[in-house]
Protein backbone atom coordinates (compact mmCIF):
# COMPACT_ATOMS: atom_id res chain seq x y z
CA MET A 1 -44.19 -19.44 9.38
CA ILE A 2 -44.06 -19.64 5.58
CA ALA A 3 -42.49 -16.20 5.37
CA CYS A 4 -39.90 -17.23 7.93
CA CYS A 5 -38.84 -20.21 5.85
CA PHE A 6 -38.48 -18.11 2.71
CA LEU A 7 -36.17 -15.76 4.60
CA ILE A 8 -34.01 -18.62 5.84
CA ALA A 9 -33.42 -20.24 2.46
CA PRO A 10 -31.21 -17.47 0.95
CA ALA A 11 -29.27 -17.13 4.21
CA ALA A 12 -28.58 -20.86 4.24
CA TYR A 13 -27.32 -20.74 0.66
CA ALA A 14 -25.05 -17.78 1.49
CA SER A 15 -23.61 -19.52 4.54
CA GLU A 16 -22.82 -22.66 2.56
CA CYS A 17 -20.77 -20.62 0.02
CA GLU A 18 -19.35 -18.18 2.57
CA ARG A 19 -15.74 -19.31 2.24
CA TYR A 20 -15.85 -18.68 -1.52
CA ARG A 21 -17.69 -15.36 -1.24
CA PRO A 22 -14.57 -13.13 -1.81
CA LEU A 23 -13.88 -14.93 -5.09
CA GLY A 24 -17.49 -14.55 -6.24
CA ASP A 25 -17.53 -10.88 -5.21
CA LEU A 26 -14.27 -10.23 -7.07
CA SER A 27 -15.57 -11.87 -10.24
CA TRP A 28 -18.79 -9.84 -10.13
CA GLN A 29 -17.01 -6.53 -9.41
CA MET A 30 -14.51 -7.01 -12.23
CA LYS A 31 -17.31 -8.01 -14.61
CA GLN A 32 -19.22 -4.81 -13.79
CA SER A 33 -16.24 -2.46 -14.06
CA ALA A 34 -12.94 -3.51 -15.64
CA ALA A 35 -14.52 -5.85 -18.20
CA ASN A 36 -16.58 -2.90 -19.47
CA GLY A 37 -13.59 -0.56 -19.64
CA VAL A 38 -14.79 1.54 -16.67
CA TYR A 39 -12.07 3.38 -14.72
CA PRO A 40 -12.13 2.35 -11.00
CA THR A 41 -13.62 4.76 -8.50
CA PRO A 42 -12.00 4.94 -5.05
CA ALA A 43 -14.97 2.98 -3.63
CA SER A 44 -14.79 0.20 -6.25
CA ALA A 45 -11.00 -0.02 -5.85
CA ARG A 46 -11.44 -0.53 -2.09
CA ARG A 47 -14.07 -3.24 -2.63
CA ILE A 48 -11.88 -5.07 -5.14
CA THR A 49 -8.85 -4.81 -2.84
CA LYS A 50 -10.93 -6.18 0.04
CA SER A 51 -12.08 -9.14 -2.08
CA ILE A 52 -8.52 -9.89 -3.17
CA GLY A 53 -7.43 -9.83 0.48
CA GLY A 54 -10.10 -12.42 1.32
CA ILE A 55 -8.82 -14.94 -1.23
CA ASN A 56 -6.21 -17.47 -0.12
CA LEU A 57 -4.87 -18.92 -3.36
CA VAL A 58 -3.08 -21.76 -1.58
CA HIS A 59 -6.29 -22.97 0.10
CA LEU A 60 -8.31 -22.37 -3.05
CA LYS A 61 -5.90 -24.41 -5.14
CA ARG A 62 -6.26 -27.26 -2.64
CA SER A 63 -10.06 -27.03 -2.77
CA LEU A 64 -10.06 -27.10 -6.57
CA ARG A 65 -7.77 -30.14 -6.58
CA GLN A 66 -10.03 -31.95 -4.11
CA ALA A 67 -13.06 -31.10 -6.26
CA ASP A 68 -11.28 -32.26 -9.43
CA LEU A 69 -11.35 -28.69 -10.78
CA SER A 70 -7.61 -28.02 -10.97
CA LEU A 71 -8.03 -27.17 -14.64
CA TYR A 72 -9.64 -23.86 -13.62
CA TYR A 73 -6.97 -22.71 -11.17
CA PRO A 74 -4.85 -20.77 -13.73
CA SER A 75 -7.96 -18.76 -14.68
CA VAL A 76 -8.74 -17.96 -11.04
CA GLU A 77 -5.15 -16.91 -10.42
CA ALA A 78 -5.26 -14.78 -13.60
CA LEU A 79 -8.42 -13.03 -12.34
CA VAL A 80 -6.62 -12.04 -9.13
CA LEU A 81 -3.63 -10.70 -11.11
CA HIS A 82 -5.91 -8.79 -13.51
CA SER A 83 -7.71 -7.30 -10.52
CA LYS A 84 -4.49 -6.11 -8.89
CA GLN A 85 -3.43 -4.50 -12.17
CA TYR A 86 -6.84 -2.82 -12.49
CA VAL A 87 -6.61 -1.31 -8.99
CA ASP A 88 -2.99 -0.23 -9.42
CA ARG A 89 -3.12 1.07 -13.00
CA GLY A 90 -6.81 1.83 -13.59
CA GLN A 91 -7.01 -0.54 -16.55
CA VAL A 92 -6.43 -4.13 -17.66
CA ASN A 93 -4.08 -4.67 -20.59
CA ASP A 94 -5.51 -8.05 -21.63
CA ARG A 95 -9.31 -7.53 -21.75
CA THR A 96 -9.85 -10.84 -23.59
CA GLY A 97 -7.92 -12.71 -20.93
CA LEU A 98 -9.94 -10.94 -18.25
CA HIS A 99 -13.25 -12.00 -19.84
CA ASP A 100 -12.03 -15.61 -20.04
CA SER A 101 -10.88 -15.63 -16.40
CA ILE A 102 -14.24 -14.18 -15.25
CA ASN A 103 -16.23 -16.79 -17.21
CA HIS A 104 -14.14 -19.65 -15.85
CA THR A 105 -14.33 -18.29 -12.30
CA GLU A 106 -18.13 -18.11 -12.53
CA LYS A 107 -18.18 -21.78 -13.56
CA VAL A 108 -15.91 -22.62 -10.64
CA MET A 109 -18.20 -20.77 -8.22
CA GLN A 110 -21.26 -22.61 -9.51
CA LYS A 111 -19.58 -25.99 -9.14
CA LEU A 112 -18.05 -25.32 -5.72
CA CYS A 113 -21.23 -23.85 -4.25
CA ALA A 114 -23.32 -26.71 -5.65
CA MET A 115 -20.97 -29.20 -3.99
CA GLU A 116 -21.12 -27.29 -0.70
CA LEU A 117 -24.92 -27.21 -0.82
CA ASP A 118 -25.10 -30.92 -1.55
CA ALA A 119 -22.80 -31.63 1.39
CA GLY A 120 -24.93 -29.39 3.63
CA ALA A 121 -28.18 -31.01 2.49
CA ASN A 122 -26.83 -34.51 3.18
CA SER A 123 -25.73 -33.46 6.64
CA SER A 124 -29.13 -31.92 7.41
CA SER A 125 -31.05 -34.98 6.22
CA GLU A 126 -29.01 -37.25 8.49
CA ASP A 127 -29.42 -35.35 11.76
CA GLY A 128 -32.52 -33.23 11.09
CA SER A 129 -30.68 -30.12 12.22
CA ALA A 130 -32.33 -27.85 9.63
CA VAL A 131 -35.84 -28.87 10.73
CA GLY A 132 -34.90 -28.49 14.37
CA PHE A 133 -33.54 -25.04 13.70
CA VAL A 134 -36.80 -23.84 12.07
CA GLU A 135 -38.90 -25.40 14.84
CA GLY A 136 -36.74 -23.69 17.43
CA LEU A 137 -37.35 -20.34 15.79
CA VAL A 138 -41.12 -20.87 15.74
CA GLU A 139 -41.36 -22.22 19.28
CA GLY A 140 -39.07 -19.65 20.85
CA ARG A 141 -40.14 -16.48 19.07
CA SER A 142 -39.18 -14.19 21.92
CA GLY A 143 -35.58 -15.42 21.81
CA TRP A 144 -35.56 -15.10 18.03
CA VAL A 145 -36.81 -11.51 18.16
CA GLY A 146 -34.18 -10.65 20.74
CA ALA A 147 -31.47 -12.19 18.59
CA VAL A 148 -32.66 -10.15 15.61
CA PHE A 149 -32.46 -6.91 17.62
CA VAL A 150 -29.00 -7.76 18.93
CA GLY A 151 -27.82 -8.64 15.43
CA PHE A 152 -29.32 -5.47 13.99
CA GLY A 153 -27.71 -3.33 16.66
CA THR A 154 -24.35 -4.96 16.02
CA LEU A 155 -24.62 -4.35 12.27
CA VAL A 156 -25.54 -0.71 12.85
CA SER A 157 -22.54 -0.25 15.16
CA ILE A 158 -20.19 -1.87 12.64
CA GLY A 159 -21.68 0.24 9.84
CA VAL A 160 -21.20 3.46 11.81
CA PHE A 161 -17.61 2.53 12.65
CA LEU A 162 -16.70 1.60 9.06
CA GLY A 163 -18.46 4.70 7.78
CA SER A 164 -16.47 6.85 10.20
CA VAL A 165 -13.19 5.26 9.12
CA THR A 166 -14.01 5.74 5.43
CA LEU A 167 -15.05 9.35 6.03
CA ALA A 168 -11.84 10.01 7.95
CA ARG A 169 -9.75 8.56 5.12
CA TYR A 170 -11.48 10.78 2.57
CA LEU A 171 -11.16 13.86 4.77
CA ILE A 172 -7.42 13.25 5.12
CA GLY A 173 -7.25 12.69 1.37
CA LEU A 174 -9.05 15.99 0.73
CA VAL A 175 -6.76 17.91 3.09
CA GLN A 176 -3.69 16.43 1.37
CA HIS A 177 -5.25 16.88 -2.10
CA ARG A 178 -4.79 13.18 -2.89
CA LYS A 179 -5.71 12.29 -6.48
CA THR A 180 -5.75 9.21 -8.68
CA CYS A 181 -3.81 9.61 -11.92
CA LEU A 182 -1.60 7.83 -14.43
CA VAL A 183 1.52 9.91 -15.07
CA GLU A 184 4.67 8.65 -16.80
CA ALA A 185 7.67 9.25 -14.56
CA ILE A 186 11.34 8.38 -14.11
CA LEU A 187 12.72 7.52 -10.66
CA ILE A 188 16.44 8.28 -10.40
CA GLY A 189 18.74 6.81 -7.76
CA ASN A 190 22.46 6.05 -7.51
CA GLY A 191 22.95 6.87 -11.20
CA GLN A 192 20.21 4.48 -12.30
CA GLU A 193 16.87 5.36 -13.91
CA PHE A 194 13.66 3.40 -13.38
CA GLU A 195 10.73 3.83 -15.76
CA GLY A 196 7.24 3.78 -14.33
CA GLU A 197 4.04 5.64 -13.59
CA LEU A 198 2.54 7.66 -10.77
CA SER A 199 -0.89 6.26 -9.86
CA ARG A 200 -1.51 8.57 -6.87
CA ALA A 201 -0.36 12.12 -6.24
CA ALA A 202 -0.70 14.56 -3.34
CA LEU A 203 1.01 17.67 -2.03
CA HIS A 204 3.40 15.67 0.13
CA ALA A 205 3.84 12.40 -1.75
CA VAL A 206 3.25 10.27 -4.86
CA ARG A 207 2.90 6.55 -5.52
CA PHE A 208 5.40 5.17 -8.06
CA GLN A 209 4.73 1.92 -9.93
CA PRO A 210 7.60 0.46 -11.98
CA LYS A 211 6.81 -0.10 -15.64
CA ASN A 212 7.30 -3.86 -15.47
CA ALA A 213 8.63 -6.68 -13.31
CA LYS A 214 12.21 -6.10 -14.53
CA GLU A 215 12.17 -2.46 -13.43
CA ALA A 216 10.58 -3.44 -10.10
CA HIS A 217 13.31 -6.03 -9.50
CA ARG A 218 16.06 -3.51 -10.27
CA LEU A 219 14.52 -0.97 -7.89
CA ILE A 220 14.12 -3.50 -5.08
CA MET A 221 17.74 -4.64 -5.51
CA LEU A 222 18.95 -1.03 -5.20
CA MET A 223 16.79 -0.41 -2.14
CA GLU A 224 18.16 -3.54 -0.47
CA THR A 225 21.78 -2.42 -0.83
CA PRO A 226 23.32 -1.13 2.44
CA GLY A 227 23.15 2.57 3.12
CA PHE A 228 20.82 5.43 2.28
CA THR A 229 20.21 6.17 -1.40
CA TYR A 230 19.33 9.63 -2.69
CA PHE A 231 16.38 9.49 -5.08
CA ASP A 232 14.73 12.02 -7.39
CA ILE A 233 11.48 11.72 -9.35
CA ARG A 234 11.24 13.31 -12.81
CA VAL A 235 8.02 14.14 -14.63
CA GLY A 236 8.47 15.92 -17.94
CA ASP A 237 11.11 18.59 -17.40
CA LYS A 238 10.50 18.85 -13.63
CA LYS A 239 12.49 16.95 -10.99
CA TRP A 240 11.98 16.69 -7.22
CA PRO A 241 14.12 15.04 -4.51
CA VAL A 242 12.16 12.29 -2.77
CA PHE A 243 12.45 9.68 -0.04
CA VAL A 244 11.46 6.16 -1.17
CA ASP A 245 9.53 4.67 1.74
CA GLY A 246 9.92 0.97 0.99
CA TYR A 247 8.27 -1.20 -1.66
CA HIS A 248 4.73 -2.47 -1.10
CA GLY A 249 3.70 -5.23 -3.48
CA SER A 250 3.47 -3.25 -6.71
CA TYR A 251 4.39 0.33 -5.79
CA ALA A 252 6.77 2.52 -3.80
CA PRO A 253 5.54 5.56 -1.83
CA LEU A 254 7.69 8.61 -2.57
CA TYR A 255 7.71 11.51 -0.10
CA PHE A 256 8.80 14.99 -1.17
CA PHE A 257 11.38 16.72 1.02
CA ALA A 258 9.47 19.96 0.40
CA ARG A 259 5.70 19.83 -0.10
CA LEU A 260 4.47 20.75 -3.54
CA THR A 261 2.44 23.88 -4.02
CA ARG A 262 -1.06 23.43 -5.40
CA ARG A 263 0.15 24.83 -8.71
CA GLU A 264 3.00 22.31 -8.85
CA LEU A 265 0.58 19.47 -8.10
CA SER A 266 -1.78 20.74 -10.79
CA ASP A 267 1.06 20.88 -13.30
CA LEU A 268 2.10 17.33 -12.39
CA LEU A 269 -1.46 16.02 -12.78
CA SER A 270 -1.79 17.72 -16.17
CA HIS A 271 0.44 14.90 -17.52
CA SER A 272 -2.09 12.23 -16.47
CA THR A 273 -3.46 9.97 -19.20
CA ALA A 274 -6.29 8.72 -16.97
CA PRO A 275 -9.19 10.56 -15.29
CA ILE A 276 -8.21 12.43 -12.12
CA GLN A 277 -10.38 11.63 -9.09
CA ALA A 278 -10.27 12.15 -5.34
CA ALA A 279 -8.37 9.39 -3.55
CA PRO A 280 -8.69 8.33 0.11
CA TYR A 281 -5.79 8.08 2.52
CA ILE A 282 -4.35 4.55 2.69
CA GLY A 283 -1.60 3.97 5.21
CA HIS A 284 1.37 1.62 4.97
CA ARG A 285 4.28 0.48 7.08
CA SER A 286 6.87 3.24 6.99
CA THR A 287 10.67 3.18 7.20
CA ARG A 288 10.99 6.93 7.83
CA ARG A 289 11.90 6.45 11.48
CA LYS A 290 14.76 4.14 10.50
CA TRP A 291 16.23 6.76 8.15
CA LYS A 292 15.27 9.91 10.09
CA ASP A 293 18.89 11.11 10.49
CA GLN A 294 19.67 10.62 6.79
CA ILE A 295 16.40 12.31 5.82
CA ALA A 296 17.24 15.30 8.03
CA THR A 297 20.73 15.49 6.49
CA ARG A 298 19.38 15.55 2.94
CA LYS A 299 16.81 18.20 3.88
CA GLU A 300 19.64 20.41 5.10
CA LYS A 301 21.63 19.84 1.91
CA ILE A 302 18.59 20.76 -0.17
CA LYS A 303 18.10 23.98 1.83
CA GLU A 304 21.78 24.85 1.44
CA ALA A 305 21.61 24.30 -2.33
CA GLN A 306 18.48 26.46 -2.55
CA ALA A 307 20.20 29.24 -0.58
CA VAL A 308 23.22 29.13 -2.90
CA ARG A 309 20.98 29.39 -5.98
CA ALA A 310 19.09 32.28 -4.41
CA ASP A 311 22.36 34.18 -3.91
CA LEU A 312 23.43 33.75 -7.54
């Protein structure tokens, strides 16, 4: 019985702070990696992205205001922004600001979880629900054991499924030779040039991130103009025609009209200023079906131009 109670205590604490868990996980992950200048691995980038996705800043801001902790909200928001930059660019420009936001977020977590635990303890003391729960476990051991087996089986099934999905993403990434990188590039469209970096590269596509918010705004404005815009991506002295498949938060996927050769991809990656690592496949909502006729037309024009050059 004593052992049972010791097992329940940590679980109870975790459940009380469950709604703040993504924020705590994000703070810990960034402290272990970005704060120490470590380049993100594909696995750590996925974990950080998952934690960011679990944080609702609007609800969190309300909770902080109710707890009289509004002073800490800018630091929490800064941690989320630093984390997005770390995943997208592989580094954080303001390391001092990151350390400050992590320290403040840890204080916020301690205060919020302490308040949640106090509220839970008061509720338990009023209705005796915690005692009744433990007594129920002791008195109905057969039901408890069955619940454990069901829970364990469910966790195993979920683990197998998630493992299969992750493996599939990496296999697709290997087939497509997807790599993380940080390559300076210029995106050209409608006579305009947009400075930025490639953070992912594969045989069929690259991920372009504008250099700053101003460049991102200019690119989005061009993409929102009516009609189909012809784009090219330039790295060093090489240039390739590409299709810009929308804008997704901080980057634009660019698809080559003709797949790169392995040598071309290797040459492109040689410009990277960050370590090159295998990258998993990550899907996104595509606009290729919307522009399929225009894409086909440009492919034909590219083939015609190549044929003319071959005849010269």
